Amino acid sequence: MSAAVAKGVGFVPLTEARQLPVGTQVDARRGTLQIVTATAHVGKTQSGTFRGSVFKLGQSRNRLTKGLTTLSLLEGAFRGGPSYAACGAHAASDPIAHAATRHAADERAAQVAAGLGVDSLGEYLRQRRAAGRTWRALAAESGQPESWLRRQAARAPAR
């Protein structure tokens, strides 16, 4: 196991199971870490396996969520790592960036519709779903991810 735990100034390798204090920073870019935590039910645990990131362990003290364990990705923790500045999701608050993203999505939908030989991708998806086609079948048919097709169907104006 080559994940490491922040301790003071540097990181120490994790080579065996150990308790990690709240606030520990874990570097699991070159290893895999399985975390086991207690639940609110006596004698029950929950676990997760994490790798390929640098994160910080947290635990809620809030009365309603007391003991809830959280893992937070550390922004800019390493070169090329995740950061808010590099994320396109927050661009939705920028009207110009949002319009450009919407335009690109419309162009992609038009290309997929043309490839299927139809005028409107949204209408096509609606008709095929009404005919009993699954999202998986539509994804295979169009060569597009199911999640993207669902978003396109939701964006299409209702008739």
Protein backbone atom coordinates (compact mmCIF):
# COMPACT_ATOMS: atom_id res chain seq x y z
CA MET A 1 0.00 0.00 0.00
CA SER A 2 1.63 3.22 -1.08
CA ALA A 3 -0.96 5.75 0.02
CA ALA A 4 0.43 8.18 2.57
CA VAL A 5 -0.99 10.09 5.52
CA ALA A 6 -0.05 13.66 6.38
CA LYS A 7 1.66 13.81 9.74
CA GLY A 8 3.13 17.15 10.65
CA VAL A 9 5.23 18.36 7.74
CA GLY A 10 5.35 15.29 5.47
CA PHE A 11 3.61 12.07 4.66
CA VAL A 12 4.18 8.66 6.22
CA PRO A 13 3.47 5.43 4.32
CA LEU A 14 0.48 3.35 5.36
CA THR A 15 1.61 -0.25 5.42
CA GLU A 16 -0.98 -1.71 7.78
CA ALA A 17 -4.44 -0.99 9.15
CA ARG A 18 -4.54 1.96 11.54
CA GLN A 19 -6.89 4.55 12.93
CA LEU A 20 -6.72 7.89 11.17
CA PRO A 21 -7.65 11.07 13.02
CA VAL A 22 -10.19 13.53 11.65
CA GLY A 23 -8.39 16.07 9.47
CA THR A 24 -5.86 13.57 8.12
CA GLN A 25 -4.77 14.29 4.55
CA VAL A 26 -4.40 11.14 2.50
CA ASP A 27 -2.34 10.87 -0.69
CA ALA A 28 -3.69 7.84 -2.53
CA ARG A 29 -2.41 8.72 -6.00
CA ARG A 30 -0.17 5.66 -6.08
CA GLY A 31 -2.10 3.30 -3.90
CA THR A 32 -5.51 2.16 -2.78
CA LEU A 33 -6.98 2.83 0.63
CA GLN A 34 -9.95 1.05 2.15
CA ILE A 35 -11.64 3.06 4.87
CA VAL A 36 -13.98 1.39 7.35
CA THR A 37 -16.12 3.59 9.60
CA ALA A 38 -18.78 2.96 12.21
CA THR A 39 -22.42 3.77 11.48
CA ALA A 40 -25.16 5.05 13.76
CA HIS A 41 -26.30 1.45 14.26
CA VAL A 42 -24.43 -0.42 16.99
CA GLY A 43 -22.05 -3.01 15.59
CA LYS A 44 -22.50 -1.93 11.95
CA THR A 45 -19.76 -0.53 9.74
CA GLN A 46 -19.52 0.91 6.27
CA SER A 47 -16.53 0.94 3.95
CA GLY A 48 -15.23 2.46 0.77
CA THR A 49 -12.17 2.02 -1.39
CA PHE A 50 -10.40 5.14 -2.66
CA ARG A 51 -7.49 5.74 -5.01
CA GLY A 52 -6.02 8.18 -7.48
CA SER A 53 -6.49 11.34 -5.43
CA VAL A 54 -5.46 13.43 -2.47
CA PHE A 55 -8.22 13.98 0.06
CA LYS A 56 -8.92 14.99 3.63
CA LEU A 57 -10.93 12.94 6.13
CA GLY A 58 -13.68 14.70 7.99
CA GLN A 59 -16.43 13.82 10.40
CA SER A 60 -19.57 15.76 11.21
CA ARG A 61 -20.25 17.08 14.70
CA ASN A 62 -23.71 18.34 13.72
CA ARG A 63 -26.43 16.86 15.90
CA LEU A 64 -28.40 15.43 12.96
CA THR A 65 -25.42 14.01 11.07
CA LYS A 66 -23.06 13.33 13.96
CA GLY A 67 -20.38 10.85 13.00
CA LEU A 68 -20.96 11.16 9.24
CA THR A 69 -17.56 10.59 7.64
CA THR A 70 -16.66 12.72 4.64
CA LEU A 71 -13.77 12.69 2.19
CA SER A 72 -13.01 16.00 0.53
CA LEU A 73 -10.81 16.25 -2.54
CA LEU A 74 -7.99 18.67 -1.88
CA GLU A 75 -7.99 21.38 -4.50
CA GLY A 76 -4.69 21.91 -6.28
CA ALA A 77 -2.94 19.38 -4.05
CA PHE A 78 -0.67 18.29 -6.91
CA ARG A 79 0.17 19.40 -10.43
CA GLY A 80 -2.71 18.50 -12.73
CA GLY A 81 -4.96 17.72 -9.77
CA PRO A 82 -8.57 18.81 -9.48
CA SER A 83 -9.23 22.48 -8.81
CA TYR A 84 -12.21 24.82 -8.88
CA ALA A 85 -10.47 27.01 -11.46
CA ALA A 86 -10.09 24.09 -13.87
CA CYS A 87 -13.66 22.87 -13.38
CA GLY A 88 -16.20 23.74 -16.06
CA ALA A 89 -19.21 23.17 -13.79
CA HIS A 90 -18.99 26.59 -12.15
CA ALA A 91 -18.98 28.25 -15.59
CA ALA A 92 -22.80 28.08 -15.54
CA SER A 93 -22.77 31.26 -13.46
CA ASP A 94 -21.01 33.01 -16.37
CA PRO A 95 -23.68 33.80 -19.02
CA ILE A 96 -21.18 33.87 -21.89
CA ALA A 97 -19.58 30.55 -20.92
CA HIS A 98 -23.05 29.06 -20.39
CA ALA A 99 -24.20 30.19 -23.84
CA ALA A 100 -21.08 28.71 -25.45
CA THR A 101 -21.62 25.39 -23.66
CA ARG A 102 -25.29 25.34 -24.67
CA HIS A 103 -24.36 26.12 -28.29
CA ALA A 104 -21.82 23.26 -28.32
CA ALA A 105 -24.45 20.87 -26.91
CA ASP A 106 -26.95 21.97 -29.56
CA GLU A 107 -24.37 21.37 -32.31
CA ARG A 108 -23.60 17.91 -30.97
CA ALA A 109 -27.32 17.07 -30.79
CA ALA A 110 -27.78 18.24 -34.39
CA GLN A 111 -24.87 16.03 -35.52
CA VAL A 112 -26.29 12.99 -33.73
CA ALA A 113 -29.77 13.68 -35.18
CA ALA A 114 -28.31 13.96 -38.69
CA GLY A 115 -26.47 10.66 -38.18
CA LEU A 116 -29.77 9.03 -37.24
CA GLY A 117 -31.53 10.64 -40.21
CA VAL A 118 -33.95 12.75 -38.17
CA ASP A 119 -34.57 16.49 -37.77
CA SER A 120 -34.95 16.68 -33.98
CA LEU A 121 -33.04 14.48 -31.58
CA GLY A 122 -35.40 15.32 -28.72
CA GLU A 123 -38.48 14.33 -30.71
CA TYR A 124 -36.76 11.16 -31.92
CA LEU A 125 -35.85 10.16 -28.35
CA ARG A 126 -39.38 10.89 -27.13
CA GLN A 127 -40.93 8.74 -29.89
CA ARG A 128 -38.50 5.86 -29.40
CA ARG A 129 -39.05 5.88 -25.62
CA ALA A 130 -42.83 5.90 -26.17
CA ALA A 131 -42.35 2.86 -28.40
CA GLY A 132 -40.68 1.02 -25.53
CA ARG A 133 -36.99 1.46 -26.37
CA THR A 134 -34.67 1.50 -23.36
CA TRP A 135 -32.07 4.20 -22.76
CA ARG A 136 -29.42 1.52 -23.14
CA ALA A 137 -30.75 0.53 -26.57
CA LEU A 138 -30.91 4.19 -27.63
CA ALA A 139 -27.34 4.70 -26.45
CA ALA A 140 -26.16 1.74 -28.50
CA GLU A 141 -28.15 2.93 -31.50
CA SER A 142 -26.78 6.48 -31.37
CA GLY A 143 -23.29 5.81 -30.04
CA GLN A 144 -23.87 8.34 -27.24
CA PRO A 145 -23.91 7.89 -23.44
CA GLU A 146 -27.28 7.24 -21.81
CA SER A 147 -26.87 10.22 -19.47
CA TRP A 148 -26.28 12.60 -22.38
CA LEU A 149 -29.33 11.27 -24.24
CA ARG A 150 -31.49 11.72 -21.13
CA ARG A 151 -30.36 15.34 -20.82
CA GLN A 152 -31.14 15.95 -24.49
CA ALA A 153 -34.62 14.48 -24.10
CA ALA A 154 -35.23 16.68 -21.04
CA ARG A 155 -34.01 19.81 -22.88
CA ALA A 156 -36.23 19.23 -25.91
CA PRO A 157 -39.39 21.35 -26.02
CA ALA A 158 -42.55 19.38 -25.25
CA ARG A 159 -45.15 18.96 -27.97
